[in-house]
Amino acid sequence: ALSLLAQATAHDPSRPWADVAWVHAVDPGRINPEHLVGVLLTVL
């Protein structure tokens, strides 16, 4: 889900695609840090 939102941001970074309740509530400690790096690199 986060990967898809990051791809949406790559398509149009002007829209708040990730500013939703479940993103704010997600526990990053339960995600492999490599996956988090991939999401952040897409956004970057």
ModelCIF file with pLDDT and N, C-alpha, C, O atoms, coordinates in Angstrom:
data_MODEL
#
_entry.id   MODEL 
#
_entity.id                         1 
_entity.type                       polymer 
_entity.pdbx_number_of_molecules   1 
#
_entity_poly.entity_id                      1 
_entity_poly.type                           'polypeptide(L)' 
_entity_poly.nstd_linkage                   no 
_entity_poly.nstd_monomer                   no 
_entity_poly.pdbx_seq_one_letter_code       ALSLLAQATAHDPSRPWADVAWVHAVDPGRINPEHLVGVLLTVL 
_entity_poly.pdbx_seq_one_letter_code_can   ALSLLAQATAHDPSRPWADVAWVHAVDPGRINPEHLVGVLLTVL 
_entity_poly.pdbx_strand_id                 A 
#
loop_
_entity_poly_seq.entity_id 
_entity_poly_seq.num 
_entity_poly_seq.mon_id 
_entity_poly_seq.hetero 
1 1  ALA n 
1 2  LEU n 
1 3  SER n 
1 4  LEU n 
1 5  LEU n 
1 6  ALA n 
1 7  GLN n 
1 8  ALA n 
1 9  THR n 
1 10 ALA n 
1 11 HIS n 
1 12 ASP n 
1 13 PRO n 
1 14 SER n 
1 15 ARG n 
1 16 PRO n 
1 17 TRP n 
1 18 ALA n 
1 19 ASP n 
1 20 VAL n 
1 21 ALA n 
1 22 TRP n 
1 23 VAL n 
1 24 HIS n 
1 25 ALA n 
1 26 VAL n 
1 27 ASP n 
1 28 PRO n 
1 29 GLY n 
1 30 ARG n 
1 31 ILE n 
1 32 ASN n 
1 33 PRO n 
1 34 GLU n 
1 35 HIS n 
1 36 LEU n 
1 37 VAL n 
1 38 GLY n 
1 39 VAL n 
1 40 LEU n 
1 41 LEU n 
1 42 THR n 
1 43 VAL n 
1 44 LEU n 
#
_struct_asym.id          A 
_struct_asym.entity_id   1 
#
loop_
_ma_qa_metric.id 
_ma_qa_metric.mode 
_ma_qa_metric.name 
_ma_qa_metric.software_group_id 
_ma_qa_metric.type 
1 global pLDDT . pLDDT 
2 local  pLDDT . pLDDT 
#
_ma_qa_metric_global.metric_id      1 
_ma_qa_metric_global.metric_value   96.16 
_ma_qa_metric_global.model_id       1 
_ma_qa_metric_global.ordinal_id     1 
#
loop_
_ma_qa_metric_local.label_asym_id 
_ma_qa_metric_local.label_comp_id 
_ma_qa_metric_local.label_seq_id 
_ma_qa_metric_local.metric_id 
_ma_qa_metric_local.metric_value 
_ma_qa_metric_local.model_id 
_ma_qa_metric_local.ordinal_id 
A ALA 1  2 97.00 1 1  
A LEU 2  2 97.00 1 2  
A SER 3  2 96.00 1 3  
A LEU 4  2 96.00 1 4  
A LEU 5  2 97.00 1 5  
A ALA 6  2 97.00 1 6  
A GLN 7  2 96.00 1 7  
A ALA 8  2 96.00 1 8  
A THR 9  2 97.00 1 9  
A ALA 10 2 96.00 1 10 
A HIS 11 2 95.00 1 11 
A ASP 12 2 96.00 1 12 
A PRO 13 2 96.00 1 13 
A SER 14 2 95.00 1 14 
A ARG 15 2 96.00 1 15 
A PRO 16 2 97.00 1 16 
A TRP 17 2 97.00 1 17 
A ALA 18 2 97.00 1 18 
A ASP 19 2 96.00 1 19 
A VAL 20 2 96.00 1 20 
A ALA 21 2 95.00 1 21 
A TRP 22 2 96.00 1 22 
A VAL 23 2 97.00 1 23 
A HIS 24 2 96.00 1 24 
A ALA 25 2 95.00 1 25 
A VAL 26 2 95.00 1 26 
A ASP 27 2 95.00 1 27 
A PRO 28 2 96.00 1 28 
A GLY 29 2 95.00 1 29 
A ARG 30 2 95.00 1 30 
A ILE 31 2 96.00 1 31 
A ASN 32 2 96.00 1 32 
A PRO 33 2 96.00 1 33 
A GLU 34 2 96.00 1 34 
A HIS 35 2 97.00 1 35 
A LEU 36 2 97.00 1 36 
A VAL 37 2 97.00 1 37 
A GLY 38 2 96.00 1 38 
A VAL 39 2 97.00 1 39 
A LEU 40 2 97.00 1 40 
A LEU 41 2 97.00 1 41 
A THR 42 2 96.00 1 42 
A VAL 43 2 97.00 1 43 
A LEU 44 2 95.00 1 44 
#
loop_
_atom_site.group_PDB 
_atom_site.id 
_atom_site.type_symbol 
_atom_site.label_atom_id 
_atom_site.label_alt_id 
_atom_site.label_comp_id 
_atom_site.label_asym_id 
_atom_site.label_entity_id 
_atom_site.label_seq_id 
_atom_site.pdbx_PDB_ins_code 
_atom_site.Cartn_x 
_atom_site.Cartn_y 
_atom_site.Cartn_z 
_atom_site.occupancy 
_atom_site.B_iso_or_equiv 
_atom_site.pdbx_formal_charge 
_atom_site.auth_seq_id 
_atom_site.auth_comp_id 
_atom_site.auth_asym_id 
_atom_site.auth_atom_id 
_atom_site.pdbx_PDB_model_num 
ATOM 1   N N  . ALA A 1 1  ? 0.833  -1.206 0.000   1.00 97.00 ? 1  ALA A N  1 
ATOM 2   C CA . ALA A 1 1  ? 0.000  0.000  0.000   1.00 97.00 ? 1  ALA A CA 1 
ATOM 3   C C  . ALA A 1 1  ? 0.868  1.257  0.000   1.00 97.00 ? 1  ALA A C  1 
ATOM 4   O O  . ALA A 1 1  ? 0.613  2.191  -0.760  1.00 97.00 ? 1  ALA A O  1 
ATOM 5   N N  . LEU A 1 2  ? 1.892  1.277  0.852   1.00 97.00 ? 2  LEU A N  1 
ATOM 6   C CA . LEU A 1 2  ? 2.785  2.431  0.879   1.00 97.00 ? 2  LEU A CA 1 
ATOM 7   C C  . LEU A 1 2  ? 3.538  2.590  -0.443  1.00 97.00 ? 2  LEU A C  1 
ATOM 8   O O  . LEU A 1 2  ? 3.753  3.706  -0.916  1.00 97.00 ? 2  LEU A O  1 
ATOM 9   N N  . SER A 1 3  ? 3.930  1.468  -1.026  1.00 96.00 ? 3  SER A N  1 
ATOM 10  C CA . SER A 1 3  ? 4.625  1.528  -2.309  1.00 96.00 ? 3  SER A CA 1 
ATOM 11  C C  . SER A 1 3  ? 3.747  2.146  -3.388  1.00 96.00 ? 3  SER A C  1 
ATOM 12  O O  . SER A 1 3  ? 4.222  2.931  -4.209  1.00 96.00 ? 3  SER A O  1 
ATOM 13  N N  . LEU A 1 4  ? 2.460  1.789  -3.386  1.00 96.00 ? 4  LEU A N  1 
ATOM 14  C CA . LEU A 1 4  ? 1.542  2.356  -4.379  1.00 96.00 ? 4  LEU A CA 1 
ATOM 15  C C  . LEU A 1 4  ? 1.348  3.852  -4.166  1.00 96.00 ? 4  LEU A C  1 
ATOM 16  O O  . LEU A 1 4  ? 1.297  4.611  -5.134  1.00 96.00 ? 4  LEU A O  1 
ATOM 17  N N  . LEU A 1 5  ? 1.238  4.285  -2.913  1.00 97.00 ? 5  LEU A N  1 
ATOM 18  C CA . LEU A 1 5  ? 1.091  5.718  -2.650  1.00 97.00 ? 5  LEU A CA 1 
ATOM 19  C C  . LEU A 1 5  ? 2.349  6.468  -3.085  1.00 97.00 ? 5  LEU A C  1 
ATOM 20  O O  . LEU A 1 5  ? 2.269  7.570  -3.629  1.00 97.00 ? 5  LEU A O  1 
ATOM 21  N N  . ALA A 1 6  ? 3.503  5.865  -2.841  1.00 97.00 ? 6  ALA A N  1 
ATOM 22  C CA . ALA A 1 6  ? 4.738  6.506  -3.276  1.00 97.00 ? 6  ALA A CA 1 
ATOM 23  C C  . ALA A 1 6  ? 4.779  6.631  -4.798  1.00 97.00 ? 6  ALA A C  1 
ATOM 24  O O  . ALA A 1 6  ? 5.263  7.631  -5.329  1.00 97.00 ? 6  ALA A O  1 
ATOM 25  N N  . GLN A 1 7  ? 4.269  5.610  -5.499  1.00 96.00 ? 7  GLN A N  1 
ATOM 26  C CA . GLN A 1 7  ? 4.214  5.697  -6.960  1.00 96.00 ? 7  GLN A CA 1 
ATOM 27  C C  . GLN A 1 7  ? 3.251  6.790  -7.411  1.00 96.00 ? 7  GLN A C  1 
ATOM 28  O O  . GLN A 1 7  ? 3.492  7.466  -8.411  1.00 96.00 ? 7  GLN A O  1 
ATOM 29  N N  . ALA A 1 8  ? 2.161  6.958  -6.667  1.00 96.00 ? 8  ALA A N  1 
ATOM 30  C CA . ALA A 1 8  ? 1.243  8.055  -6.978  1.00 96.00 ? 8  ALA A CA 1 
ATOM 31  C C  . ALA A 1 8  ? 1.940  9.397  -6.781  1.00 96.00 ? 8  ALA A C  1 
ATOM 32  O O  . ALA A 1 8  ? 1.744  10.322 -7.569  1.00 96.00 ? 8  ALA A O  1 
ATOM 33  N N  . THR A 1 9  ? 2.748  9.504  -5.739  1.00 97.00 ? 9  THR A N  1 
ATOM 34  C CA . THR A 1 9  ? 3.513  10.731 -5.496  1.00 97.00 ? 9  THR A CA 1 
ATOM 35  C C  . THR A 1 9  ? 4.509  10.969 -6.620  1.00 97.00 ? 9  THR A C  1 
ATOM 36  O O  . THR A 1 9  ? 4.707  12.106 -7.049  1.00 97.00 ? 9  THR A O  1 
ATOM 37  N N  . ALA A 1 10 ? 5.134  9.900  -7.097  1.00 96.00 ? 10 ALA A N  1 
ATOM 38  C CA . ALA A 1 10 ? 6.061  10.048 -8.222  1.00 96.00 ? 10 ALA A CA 1 
ATOM 39  C C  . ALA A 1 10 ? 5.341  10.562 -9.461  1.00 96.00 ? 10 ALA A C  1 
ATOM 40  O O  . ALA A 1 10 ? 5.919  11.302 -10.257 1.00 96.00 ? 10 ALA A O  1 
ATOM 41  N N  . HIS A 1 11 ? 4.085  10.174 -9.624  1.00 95.00 ? 11 HIS A N  1 
ATOM 42  C CA . HIS A 1 11 ? 3.295  10.636 -10.773 1.00 95.00 ? 11 HIS A CA 1 
ATOM 43  C C  . HIS A 1 11 ? 2.902  12.098 -10.625 1.00 95.00 ? 11 HIS A C  1 
ATOM 44  O O  . HIS A 1 11 ? 2.939  12.855 -11.595 1.00 95.00 ? 11 HIS A O  1 
ATOM 45  N N  . ASP A 1 12 ? 2.526  12.497 -9.414  1.00 96.00 ? 12 ASP A N  1 
ATOM 46  C CA . ASP A 1 12 ? 2.110  13.873 -9.166  1.00 96.00 ? 12 ASP A CA 1 
ATOM 47  C C  . ASP A 1 12 ? 2.434  14.228 -7.715  1.00 96.00 ? 12 ASP A C  1 
ATOM 48  O O  . ASP A 1 12 ? 1.630  13.967 -6.821  1.00 96.00 ? 12 ASP A O  1 
ATOM 49  N N  . PRO A 1 13 ? 3.611  14.824 -7.473  1.00 96.00 ? 13 PRO A N  1 
ATOM 50  C CA . PRO A 1 13 ? 4.006  15.115 -6.090  1.00 96.00 ? 13 PRO A CA 1 
ATOM 51  C C  . PRO A 1 13 ? 3.273  16.295 -5.468  1.00 96.00 ? 13 PRO A C  1 
ATOM 52  O O  . PRO A 1 13 ? 3.510  16.613 -4.302  1.00 96.00 ? 13 PRO A O  1 
ATOM 53  N N  . SER A 1 14 ? 2.406  16.938 -6.200  1.00 95.00 ? 14 SER A N  1 
ATOM 54  C CA . SER A 1 14 ? 1.710  18.103 -5.653  1.00 95.00 ? 14 SER A CA 1 
ATOM 55  C C  . SER A 1 14 ? 0.475  17.730 -4.844  1.00 95.00 ? 14 SER A C  1 
ATOM 56  O O  . SER A 1 14 ? -0.134 18.602 -4.223  1.00 95.00 ? 14 SER A O  1 
ATOM 57  N N  . ARG A 1 15 ? 0.090  16.451 -4.835  1.00 96.00 ? 15 ARG A N  1 
ATOM 58  C CA . ARG A 1 15 ? -1.144 16.034 -4.156  1.00 96.00 ? 15 ARG A CA 1 
ATOM 59  C C  . ARG A 1 15 ? -0.812 15.260 -2.887  1.00 96.00 ? 15 ARG A C  1 
ATOM 60  O O  . ARG A 1 15 ? 0.179  14.531 -2.854  1.00 96.00 ? 15 ARG A O  1 
ATOM 61  N N  . PRO A 1 16 ? -1.631 15.408 -1.836  1.00 97.00 ? 16 PRO A N  1 
ATOM 62  C CA . PRO A 1 16 ? -1.348 14.757 -0.547  1.00 97.00 ? 16 PRO A CA 1 
ATOM 63  C C  . PRO A 1 16 ? -1.835 13.305 -0.520  1.00 97.00 ? 16 PRO A C  1 
ATOM 64  O O  . PRO A 1 16 ? -2.714 12.958 0.269   1.00 97.00 ? 16 PRO A O  1 
ATOM 65  N N  . TRP A 1 17 ? -1.275 12.477 -1.364  1.00 97.00 ? 17 TRP A N  1 
ATOM 66  C CA . TRP A 1 17 ? -1.749 11.091 -1.477  1.00 97.00 ? 17 TRP A CA 1 
ATOM 67  C C  . TRP A 1 17 ? -1.602 10.317 -0.172  1.00 97.00 ? 17 TRP A C  1 
ATOM 68  O O  . TRP A 1 17 ? -2.434 9.460  0.126   1.00 97.00 ? 17 TRP A O  1 
ATOM 69  N N  . ALA A 1 18 ? -0.567 10.598 0.606   1.00 97.00 ? 18 ALA A N  1 
ATOM 70  C CA . ALA A 1 18 ? -0.302 9.813  1.822   1.00 97.00 ? 18 ALA A CA 1 
ATOM 71  C C  . ALA A 1 18 ? -0.864 10.446 3.088   1.00 97.00 ? 18 ALA A C  1 
ATOM 72  O O  . ALA A 1 18 ? -0.683 9.907  4.179   1.00 97.00 ? 18 ALA A O  1 
ATOM 73  N N  . ASP A 1 19 ? -1.535 11.569 2.958   1.00 96.00 ? 19 ASP A N  1 
ATOM 74  C CA . ASP A 1 19 ? -2.055 12.250 4.144   1.00 96.00 ? 19 ASP A CA 1 
ATOM 75  C C  . ASP A 1 19 ? -3.410 11.668 4.541   1.00 96.00 ? 19 ASP A C  1 
ATOM 76  O O  . ASP A 1 19 ? -4.437 12.346 4.508   1.00 96.00 ? 19 ASP A O  1 
ATOM 77  N N  . VAL A 1 20 ? -3.379 10.391 4.918   1.00 96.00 ? 20 VAL A N  1 
ATOM 78  C CA . VAL A 1 20 ? -4.603 9.666  5.283   1.00 96.00 ? 20 VAL A CA 1 
ATOM 79  C C  . VAL A 1 20 ? -4.380 8.957  6.607   1.00 96.00 ? 20 VAL A C  1 
ATOM 80  O O  . VAL A 1 20 ? -3.245 8.760  7.041   1.00 96.00 ? 20 VAL A O  1 
ATOM 81  N N  . ALA A 1 21 ? -5.476 8.580  7.237   1.00 95.00 ? 21 ALA A N  1 
ATOM 82  C CA . ALA A 1 21 ? -5.406 8.081  8.615   1.00 95.00 ? 21 ALA A CA 1 
ATOM 83  C C  . ALA A 1 21 ? -4.520 6.856  8.763   1.00 95.00 ? 21 ALA A C  1 
ATOM 84  O O  . ALA A 1 21 ? -3.736 6.779  9.708   1.00 95.00 ? 21 ALA A O  1 
ATOM 85  N N  . TRP A 1 22 ? -4.628 5.889  7.842   1.00 96.00 ? 22 TRP A N  1 
ATOM 86  C CA . TRP A 1 22 ? -3.874 4.652  8.038   1.00 96.00 ? 22 TRP A CA 1 
ATOM 87  C C  . TRP A 1 22 ? -2.372 4.857  7.895   1.00 96.00 ? 22 TRP A C  1 
ATOM 88  O O  . TRP A 1 22 ? -1.591 4.148  8.530   1.00 96.00 ? 22 TRP A O  1 
ATOM 89  N N  . VAL A 1 23 ? -1.954 5.819  7.069   1.00 97.00 ? 23 VAL A N  1 
ATOM 90  C CA . VAL A 1 23 ? -0.520 6.102  6.957   1.00 97.00 ? 23 VAL A CA 1 
ATOM 91  C C  . VAL A 1 23 ? -0.011 6.701  8.267   1.00 97.00 ? 23 VAL A C  1 
ATOM 92  O O  . VAL A 1 23 ? 1.073  6.351  8.734   1.00 97.00 ? 23 VAL A O  1 
ATOM 93  N N  . HIS A 1 24 ? -0.789 7.596  8.852   1.00 96.00 ? 24 HIS A N  1 
ATOM 94  C CA . HIS A 1 24 ? -0.371 8.209  10.114  1.00 96.00 ? 24 HIS A CA 1 
ATOM 95  C C  . HIS A 1 24 ? -0.371 7.190  11.254  1.00 96.00 ? 24 HIS A C  1 
ATOM 96  O O  . HIS A 1 24 ? 0.350  7.360  12.237  1.00 96.00 ? 24 HIS A O  1 
ATOM 97  N N  . ALA A 1 25 ? -1.172 6.138  11.125  1.00 95.00 ? 25 ALA A N  1 
ATOM 98  C CA . ALA A 1 25 ? -1.274 5.138  12.197  1.00 95.00 ? 25 ALA A CA 1 
ATOM 99  C C  . ALA A 1 25 ? -0.355 3.937  11.997  1.00 95.00 ? 25 ALA A C  1 
ATOM 100 O O  . ALA A 1 25 ? -0.206 3.122  12.907  1.00 95.00 ? 25 ALA A O  1 
ATOM 101 N N  . VAL A 1 26 ? 0.258  3.814  10.833  1.00 95.00 ? 26 VAL A N  1 
ATOM 102 C CA . VAL A 1 26 ? 1.052  2.620  10.547  1.00 95.00 ? 26 VAL A CA 1 
ATOM 103 C C  . VAL A 1 26 ? 2.233  2.515  11.513  1.00 95.00 ? 26 VAL A C  1 
ATOM 104 O O  . VAL A 1 26 ? 2.827  3.522  11.898  1.00 95.00 ? 26 VAL A O  1 
ATOM 105 N N  . ASP A 1 27 ? 2.559  1.289  11.893  1.00 95.00 ? 27 ASP A N  1 
ATOM 106 C CA . ASP A 1 27 ? 3.694  1.027  12.773  1.00 95.00 ? 27 ASP A CA 1 
ATOM 107 C C  . ASP A 1 27 ? 4.895  0.653  11.903  1.00 95.00 ? 27 ASP A C  1 
ATOM 108 O O  . ASP A 1 27 ? 4.974  -0.483 11.436  1.00 95.00 ? 27 ASP A O  1 
ATOM 109 N N  . PRO A 1 28 ? 5.837  1.583  11.670  1.00 96.00 ? 28 PRO A N  1 
ATOM 110 C CA . PRO A 1 28 ? 6.967  1.264  10.788  1.00 96.00 ? 28 PRO A CA 1 
ATOM 111 C C  . PRO A 1 28 ? 7.867  0.182  11.350  1.00 96.00 ? 28 PRO A C  1 
ATOM 112 O O  . PRO A 1 28 ? 8.616  -0.451 10.606  1.00 96.00 ? 28 PRO A O  1 
ATOM 113 N N  . GLY A 1 29 ? 7.803  -0.040 12.661  1.00 95.00 ? 29 GLY A N  1 
ATOM 114 C CA . GLY A 1 29 ? 8.620  -1.082 13.259  1.00 95.00 ? 29 GLY A CA 1 
ATOM 115 C C  . GLY A 1 29 ? 8.252  -2.477 12.794  1.00 95.00 ? 29 GLY A C  1 
ATOM 116 O O  . GLY A 1 29 ? 9.028  -3.414 12.981  1.00 95.00 ? 29 GLY A O  1 
ATOM 117 N N  . ARG A 1 30 ? 7.079  -2.631 12.190  1.00 95.00 ? 30 ARG A N  1 
ATOM 118 C CA . ARG A 1 30 ? 6.638  -3.937 11.706  1.00 95.00 ? 30 ARG A CA 1 
ATOM 119 C C  . ARG A 1 30 ? 6.920  -4.111 10.214  1.00 95.00 ? 30 ARG A C  1 
ATOM 120 O O  . ARG A 1 30 ? 6.500  -5.098 9.611   1.00 95.00 ? 30 ARG A O  1 
ATOM 121 N N  . ILE A 1 31 ? 7.631  -3.150 9.623   1.00 96.00 ? 31 ILE A N  1 
ATOM 122 C CA . ILE A 1 31 ? 7.960  -3.196 8.200   1.00 96.00 ? 31 ILE A CA 1 
ATOM 123 C C  . ILE A 1 31 ? 9.463  -3.368 8.063   1.00 96.00 ? 31 ILE A C  1 
ATOM 124 O O  . ILE A 1 31 ? 10.235 -2.750 8.796   1.00 96.00 ? 31 ILE A O  1 
ATOM 125 N N  . ASN A 1 32 ? 9.870  -4.197 7.136   1.00 96.00 ? 32 ASN A N  1 
ATOM 126 C CA . ASN A 1 32 ? 11.287 -4.350 6.855   1.00 96.00 ? 32 ASN A CA 1 
ATOM 127 C C  . ASN A 1 32 ? 11.871 -2.986 6.474   1.00 96.00 ? 32 ASN A C  1 
ATOM 128 O O  . ASN A 1 32 ? 11.340 -2.317 5.587   1.00 96.00 ? 32 ASN A O  1 
ATOM 129 N N  . PRO A 1 33 ? 12.954 -2.568 7.132   1.00 96.00 ? 33 PRO A N  1 
ATOM 130 C CA . PRO A 1 33 ? 13.507 -1.237 6.810   1.00 96.00 ? 33 PRO A CA 1 
ATOM 131 C C  . PRO A 1 33 ? 13.899 -1.078 5.346   1.00 96.00 ? 33 PRO A C  1 
ATOM 132 O O  . PRO A 1 33 ? 13.897 0.037  4.825   1.00 96.00 ? 33 PRO A O  1 
ATOM 133 N N  . GLU A 1 34 ? 14.238 -2.186 4.670   1.00 96.00 ? 34 GLU A N  1 
ATOM 134 C CA . GLU A 1 34 ? 14.557 -2.076 3.249   1.00 96.00 ? 34 GLU A CA 1 
ATOM 135 C C  . GLU A 1 34 ? 13.345 -1.619 2.450   1.00 96.00 ? 34 GLU A C  1 
ATOM 136 O O  . GLU A 1 34 ? 13.480 -0.851 1.497   1.00 96.00 ? 34 GLU A O  1 
ATOM 137 N N  . HIS A 1 35 ? 12.160 -2.090 2.836   1.00 97.00 ? 35 HIS A N  1 
ATOM 138 C CA . HIS A 1 35 ? 10.945 -1.630 2.157   1.00 97.00 ? 35 HIS A CA 1 
ATOM 139 C C  . HIS A 1 35 ? 10.710 -0.146 2.410   1.00 97.00 ? 35 HIS A C  1 
ATOM 140 O O  . HIS A 1 35 ? 10.296 0.586  1.511   1.00 97.00 ? 35 HIS A O  1 
ATOM 141 N N  . LEU A 1 36 ? 10.975 0.294  3.638   1.00 97.00 ? 36 LEU A N  1 
ATOM 142 C CA . LEU A 1 36 ? 10.800 1.715  3.947   1.00 97.00 ? 36 LEU A CA 1 
ATOM 143 C C  . LEU A 1 36 ? 11.781 2.565  3.142   1.00 97.00 ? 36 LEU A C  1 
ATOM 144 O O  . LEU A 1 36 ? 11.429 3.647  2.674   1.00 97.00 ? 36 LEU A O  1 
ATOM 145 N N  . VAL A 1 37 ? 13.007 2.077  2.982   1.00 97.00 ? 37 VAL A N  1 
ATOM 146 C CA . VAL A 1 37 ? 13.983 2.788  2.162   1.00 97.00 ? 37 VAL A CA 1 
ATOM 147 C C  . VAL A 1 37 ? 13.466 2.924  0.733   1.00 97.00 ? 37 VAL A C  1 
ATOM 148 O O  . VAL A 1 37 ? 13.587 3.987  0.124   1.00 97.00 ? 37 VAL A O  1 
ATOM 149 N N  . GLY A 1 38 ? 12.888 1.846  0.198   1.00 96.00 ? 38 GLY A N  1 
ATOM 150 C CA . GLY A 1 38 ? 12.356 1.892  -1.165  1.00 96.00 ? 38 GLY A CA 1 
ATOM 151 C C  . GLY A 1 38 ? 11.257 2.928  -1.312  1.00 96.00 ? 38 GLY A C  1 
ATOM 152 O O  . GLY A 1 38 ? 11.218 3.654  -2.306  1.00 96.00 ? 38 GLY A O  1 
ATOM 153 N N  . VAL A 1 39 ? 10.359 3.005  -0.330  1.00 97.00 ? 39 VAL A N  1 
ATOM 154 C CA . VAL A 1 39 ? 9.283  3.999  -0.362  1.00 97.00 ? 39 VAL A CA 1 
ATOM 155 C C  . VAL A 1 39 ? 9.868  5.406  -0.346  1.00 97.00 ? 39 VAL A C  1 
ATOM 156 O O  . VAL A 1 39 ? 9.480  6.254  -1.150  1.00 97.00 ? 39 VAL A O  1 
ATOM 157 N N  . LEU A 1 40 ? 10.803 5.653  0.572   1.00 97.00 ? 40 LEU A N  1 
ATOM 158 C CA . LEU A 1 40 ? 11.375 6.996  0.690   1.00 97.00 ? 40 LEU A CA 1 
ATOM 159 C C  . LEU A 1 40 ? 12.180 7.380  -0.547  1.00 97.00 ? 40 LEU A C  1 
ATOM 160 O O  . LEU A 1 40 ? 12.176 8.545  -0.944  1.00 97.00 ? 40 LEU A O  1 
ATOM 161 N N  . LEU A 1 41 ? 12.865 6.427  -1.159  1.00 97.00 ? 41 LEU A N  1 
ATOM 162 C CA . LEU A 1 41 ? 13.623 6.736  -2.370  1.00 97.00 ? 41 LEU A CA 1 
ATOM 163 C C  . LEU A 1 41 ? 12.695 7.092  -3.524  1.00 97.00 ? 41 LEU A C  1 
ATOM 164 O O  . LEU A 1 41 ? 13.016 7.963  -4.332  1.00 97.00 ? 41 LEU A O  1 
ATOM 165 N N  . THR A 1 42 ? 11.551 6.425  -3.606  1.00 96.00 ? 42 THR A N  1 
ATOM 166 C CA . THR A 1 42 ? 10.587 6.775  -4.649  1.00 96.00 ? 42 THR A CA 1 
ATOM 167 C C  . THR A 1 42 ? 10.088 8.196  -4.457  1.00 96.00 ? 42 THR A C  1 
ATOM 168 O O  . THR A 1 42 ? 9.980  8.959  -5.417  1.00 96.00 ? 42 THR A O  1 
ATOM 169 N N  . VAL A 1 43 ? 9.786  8.549  -3.218  1.00 97.00 ? 43 VAL A N  1 
ATOM 170 C CA . VAL A 1 43 ? 9.326  9.903  -2.909  1.00 97.00 ? 43 VAL A CA 1 
ATOM 171 C C  . VAL A 1 43 ? 10.445 10.908 -3.175  1.00 97.00 ? 43 VAL A C  1 
ATOM 172 O O  . VAL A 1 43 ? 10.212 11.970 -3.752  1.00 97.00 ? 43 VAL A O  1 
ATOM 173 N N  . LEU A 1 44 ? 11.660 10.565 -2.750  1.00 95.00 ? 44 LEU A N  1 
ATOM 174 C CA . LEU A 1 44 ? 12.810 11.452 -2.949  1.00 95.00 ? 44 LEU A CA 1 
ATOM 175 C C  . LEU A 1 44 ? 13.000 11.779 -4.422  1.00 95.00 ? 44 LEU A C  1 
ATOM 176 O O  . LEU A 1 44 ? 13.921 12.514 -4.777  1.00 95.00 ? 44 LEU A O  1 
#
